[in-house]
Structures are given as structure tokens and as C-alpha cells.
Amino acid sequence: PTLTNVPANQTLDATMPSGAVATYTPPSASDNLDPAPSVSCSPASGSVFSHGTTLVTCTATDHGGNFSTASFSVTVQDTMAPQVEHLDMVIKRVGNKTTLTGVSLTFTKALDPLAAVDIANYAIAVPGKRGKPAKPVALLRAELDPLAHAVTLVPSKSLKMGAFIQVTARSSLIDTAGNPLDGNRDGTAGDDLVRTLGIGPSLKYIDGTG
């Protein structure tokens, strides 16, 4: 059998962390003896194609078992910016004393490992009172959990409960494809995330969308 109208190569932008759905019309097949040879393609139209280039192979088979193949490629570009999915406070209790020992940020996708542990990409501060500037809190390290897409910020000293803190993740954070952070979750890369968290039993306020 002969395959005609083979789809052209496709290039798509990722629409989800796992890649993008690609659709196509399978090629047509004709044969001298079989009026309706079967056509199958793999991966099938409507499948999720992962980042990078995937070869789609289409096979036409007639009733005598004769077959021919044709192929085209689907390339998925990873252009989705990483976002902060949620923040969690790391609390330590020793006896009757409770302190904040870290802040965990979970991202929507994998970060570049070097950028993820660079403390210059983050900041923690205690907001000032009555219009005074925020007081920075020194960061000791940033710990990456690559499987969970999470980073835990560890301050140089524990913070007391009963206060607000301001957490910043800067747009200099990038994912493994080099896309910078989408801090305000508007679908456009290149802006910081800034959130204010309450760290006390009576302070439950989290600003923004958190």
C-alpha cells in the first residue's frame, strides 16, 4: 500500500507540565488489490506529547499483510513559566516553645537545581510597623527537594511566633528549561512572588491568592 497526505511536522508550545496534546489527520492509503488498507499511527492523534521531539510513525497494511510506513515529527517546546503552587511554614515545637524554622515553597514544575538553592533568589523579611521599612531576615540556606519541586528556606535563626513575615521568590528563579518565575501567576514569566504570612496561632492571614 501507498501512504499519501502524510501530516507535516508540528511544533507546539507546552500547555501542561507534561507537554501538550497534538492532533493530526492520519494519512490516506491506497493499494492495487485491497480497496481499504488499514492505517494506524503511533502515538495516536490526541495523545499527550512530552517535551522535545517525538517521531510519529504511520503504518498502512493491506489484507495480504503487506505494509508500508511514513513518519513525521511533533516537537513540544517548554515555554511554561514555573509558578509557586503553595507555601508552608515549617514549625518546630520544643516543650511549650514554638518557633518558625523555615518556609517551604512548592513549585508547579522542576527548577534549575543551581538557581533553586541560590539564596540570592529569595528573601524573608519582617514588615516594619507604622510605615517603617521591612527588616530583612538572613537566610542560611535553601534546600531543594527535586521530586516534590519544593524549596525550603532556612533562616539563620528561628523566628518567634505571633508576627507577620514577608516571603519573596525572585524572577531570577528559572526552571530546567530556562523559563523565569511567573510570580503573580498571570501566565507571563518574569515577575517576583511576594507573600505576607502570619506566624502565630491567632495570625492566619496570607495575602495574594495563597
Protein backbone atom coordinates (compact mmCIF):
# COMPACT_ATOMS: atom_id res chain seq x y z
CA PRO A 1 0.00 0.00 0.00
CA THR A 2 0.96 3.61 -0.56
CA LEU A 3 0.57 6.36 2.04
CA THR A 4 -0.35 9.88 0.92
CA ASN A 5 -1.26 13.14 2.68
CA VAL A 6 1.22 12.46 5.45
CA PRO A 7 0.93 15.23 8.09
CA ALA A 8 3.62 17.90 8.16
CA ASN A 9 5.97 18.22 11.10
CA GLN A 10 4.44 20.12 14.03
CA THR A 11 5.93 22.44 16.65
CA LEU A 12 3.78 23.18 19.71
CA ASP A 13 4.14 25.13 22.94
CA ALA A 14 3.64 23.13 26.11
CA THR A 15 0.19 23.61 27.64
CA MET A 16 0.77 21.49 30.75
CA PRO A 17 3.78 20.35 32.81
CA SER A 18 3.84 17.03 30.96
CA GLY A 19 3.83 18.59 27.47
CA ALA A 20 0.99 19.21 25.01
CA VAL A 21 -1.80 17.39 23.21
CA ALA A 22 -1.15 17.05 19.48
CA THR A 23 -3.86 16.28 16.96
CA TYR A 24 -3.49 15.37 13.31
CA THR A 25 -5.36 13.70 10.44
CA PRO A 26 -3.89 10.27 9.65
CA PRO A 27 -2.59 9.83 6.12
CA SER A 28 -4.59 8.11 3.39
CA ALA A 29 -3.67 4.70 1.99
CA SER A 30 -4.25 3.09 -1.40
CA ASP A 31 -3.44 -0.40 -2.70
CA ASN A 32 -3.65 -2.20 -6.04
CA LEU A 33 -5.51 -5.20 -4.59
CA ASP A 34 -7.00 -4.02 -1.29
CA PRO A 35 -9.58 -1.21 -1.68
CA ALA A 36 -9.38 -0.28 2.00
CA PRO A 37 -5.99 -0.92 3.61
CA SER A 38 -5.85 -0.15 7.33
CA VAL A 39 -3.88 2.81 8.65
CA SER A 40 -2.62 3.19 12.21
CA CYS A 41 -0.34 5.81 13.74
CA SER A 42 1.67 5.80 16.94
CA PRO A 43 1.50 7.88 19.08
CA ALA A 44 -2.14 8.40 18.15
CA SER A 45 -3.75 11.76 17.42
CA GLY A 46 -4.94 13.33 20.68
CA SER A 47 -2.09 11.88 22.74
CA VAL A 48 -0.03 13.95 25.17
CA PHE A 49 3.40 14.53 23.66
CA SER A 50 6.22 15.19 26.10
CA HIS A 51 8.78 17.99 25.79
CA GLY A 52 11.21 17.56 22.95
CA THR A 53 10.75 15.86 19.59
CA THR A 54 8.66 12.71 19.14
CA LEU A 55 8.55 10.72 15.91
CA VAL A 56 5.05 9.64 14.82
CA THR A 57 5.04 6.54 12.64
CA CYS A 58 2.03 5.65 10.49
CA THR A 59 1.64 2.17 9.02
CA ALA A 60 -0.63 1.07 6.18
CA THR A 61 -1.40 -2.65 5.94
CA ASP A 62 -3.35 -4.49 3.24
CA HIS A 63 -5.28 -7.75 3.60
CA GLY A 64 -2.27 -9.72 2.39
CA GLY A 65 -0.10 -8.47 5.26
CA ASN A 66 1.95 -6.15 3.10
CA PHE A 67 2.70 -2.82 4.76
CA SER A 68 4.43 0.49 4.29
CA THR A 69 5.29 3.27 6.72
CA ALA A 70 5.66 7.03 6.78
CA SER A 71 6.59 9.34 9.62
CA PHE A 72 6.55 12.95 10.80
CA SER A 73 7.69 14.69 13.98
CA VAL A 74 5.95 16.57 16.78
CA THR A 75 8.15 18.95 18.77
CA VAL A 76 6.89 20.36 22.08
CA GLN A 77 8.65 23.47 23.36
CA ASP A 78 8.72 24.02 27.10
CA THR A 79 7.70 27.67 27.35
CA MET A 80 5.58 27.43 30.52
CA ALA A 81 6.93 29.56 33.36
CA PRO A 82 7.18 27.98 36.81
CA GLN A 83 4.78 29.24 39.47
CA VAL A 84 4.60 28.86 43.23
CA GLU A 85 1.78 26.44 43.93
CA HIS A 86 1.65 26.93 47.70
CA LEU A 87 3.69 27.97 50.72
CA ASP A 88 4.01 26.10 54.00
CA MET A 89 5.54 27.20 57.27
CA VAL A 90 7.99 24.81 58.95
CA ILE A 91 7.19 24.87 62.66
CA LYS A 92 9.32 23.45 65.47
CA ARG A 93 7.93 22.74 68.92
CA VAL A 94 10.19 22.12 71.90
CA GLY A 95 8.24 21.83 75.13
CA ASN A 96 5.97 24.86 75.32
CA LYS A 97 8.08 26.87 72.88
CA THR A 98 7.05 27.07 69.20
CA THR A 99 9.20 28.74 66.54
CA LEU A 100 9.28 29.07 62.76
CA THR A 101 12.36 27.31 61.40
CA GLY A 102 11.68 27.62 57.68
CA VAL A 103 9.31 28.34 54.81
CA SER A 104 8.63 25.74 52.12
CA LEU A 105 7.68 26.81 48.59
CA THR A 106 6.23 24.20 46.23
CA PHE A 107 6.52 24.97 42.52
CA THR A 108 4.44 23.77 39.59
CA LYS A 109 7.46 22.27 37.81
CA ALA A 110 11.10 21.37 38.29
CA LEU A 111 13.50 24.23 38.92
CA ASP A 112 17.06 24.57 37.71
CA PRO A 113 18.99 22.95 40.60
CA LEU A 114 21.61 25.71 40.88
CA ALA A 115 19.04 28.52 40.81
CA ALA A 116 16.83 26.69 43.30
CA VAL A 117 19.48 26.60 46.05
CA ASP A 118 20.85 30.11 45.44
CA ILE A 119 19.65 32.14 48.43
CA ALA A 120 20.04 35.34 46.36
CA ASN A 121 16.81 34.29 44.62
CA TYR A 122 14.79 34.57 47.83
CA ALA A 123 14.16 36.90 50.73
CA ILE A 124 12.41 36.78 54.08
CA ALA A 125 11.65 39.99 55.98
CA VAL A 126 9.63 41.14 58.96
CA PRO A 127 7.33 44.00 57.87
CA GLY A 128 8.03 47.27 59.64
CA LYS A 129 5.50 48.95 61.93
CA ARG A 130 3.88 52.30 61.22
CA GLY A 131 5.39 52.72 57.77
CA LYS A 132 8.90 51.68 58.71
CA PRO A 133 10.82 49.54 56.17
CA ALA A 134 10.80 45.76 56.47
CA LYS A 135 13.65 44.18 58.42
CA PRO A 136 15.47 41.50 56.37
CA VAL A 137 15.98 38.07 57.88
CA ALA A 138 19.28 36.44 56.91
CA LEU A 139 18.90 33.17 55.06
CA LEU A 140 21.20 30.30 55.97
CA ARG A 141 20.40 28.06 53.00
CA ALA A 142 17.77 26.94 50.51
CA GLU A 143 17.11 23.19 50.43
CA LEU A 144 15.80 21.64 47.22
CA ASP A 145 13.53 18.59 47.08
CA PRO A 146 13.64 17.85 43.32
CA LEU A 147 10.97 15.13 43.44
CA ALA A 148 8.44 17.39 45.17
CA HIS A 149 9.51 20.51 43.19
CA ALA A 150 9.87 22.19 46.59
CA VAL A 151 12.41 24.53 48.17
CA THR A 152 12.67 25.09 51.92
CA LEU A 153 14.14 28.41 53.01
CA VAL A 154 16.05 28.11 56.28
CA PRO A 155 16.68 31.39 58.15
CA SER A 156 19.88 31.85 60.13
CA LYS A 157 17.81 31.89 63.30
CA SER A 158 14.32 30.74 64.20
CA LEU A 159 11.55 33.33 64.14
CA LYS A 160 9.21 33.95 67.01
CA MET A 161 5.54 33.20 66.66
CA GLY A 162 2.98 35.99 66.78
CA ALA A 163 4.29 38.10 63.88
CA PHE A 164 4.00 38.55 60.15
CA ILE A 165 6.77 37.74 57.69
CA GLN A 166 7.15 38.68 54.05
CA VAL A 167 8.43 35.95 51.72
CA THR A 168 9.87 36.79 48.29
CA ALA A 169 10.82 34.45 45.47
CA ARG A 170 12.55 36.43 42.73
CA SER A 171 12.06 36.18 38.98
CA SER A 172 15.72 35.19 38.68
CA LEU A 173 14.50 31.70 39.61
CA ILE A 174 14.32 29.56 36.47
CA ASP A 175 13.07 26.10 35.62
CA THR A 176 15.09 23.37 33.92
CA ALA A 177 14.18 24.84 30.50
CA GLY A 178 15.36 28.32 31.48
CA ASN A 179 11.91 29.91 31.90
CA PRO A 180 11.88 32.56 34.67
CA LEU A 181 9.37 32.57 37.53
CA ASP A 182 5.80 33.76 36.99
CA GLY A 183 5.41 35.15 40.49
CA ASN A 184 1.95 36.71 40.17
CA ARG A 185 0.51 33.72 38.27
CA ASP A 186 -0.74 35.82 35.36
CA GLY A 187 0.69 33.48 32.72
CA THR A 188 3.62 35.79 31.93
CA ALA A 189 7.13 34.95 33.07
CA GLY A 190 9.48 37.37 34.75
CA ASP A 191 7.93 38.71 37.94
CA ASP A 192 8.56 38.16 41.65
CA LEU A 193 6.31 36.41 44.12
CA VAL A 194 5.75 38.39 47.33
CA ARG A 195 3.55 36.96 50.09
CA THR A 196 2.90 38.01 53.67
CA LEU A 197 2.33 35.17 56.13
CA GLY A 198 1.11 35.24 59.72
CA ILE A 199 3.22 33.03 62.01
CA GLY A 200 1.14 32.78 65.13
CA PRO A 201 -1.87 30.85 66.45
CA SER A 202 -4.03 33.94 66.06
CA LEU A 203 -2.43 35.17 62.83
CA LYS A 204 -3.81 33.21 59.91
CA TYR A 205 -3.64 35.86 57.20
CA ILE A 206 -1.98 35.03 53.89
CA ASP A 207 -2.17 37.67 51.19
CA GLY A 208 -2.42 37.29 47.42
CA THR A 209 -4.01 34.06 46.21
CA GLY A 210 -2.46 31.89 48.93
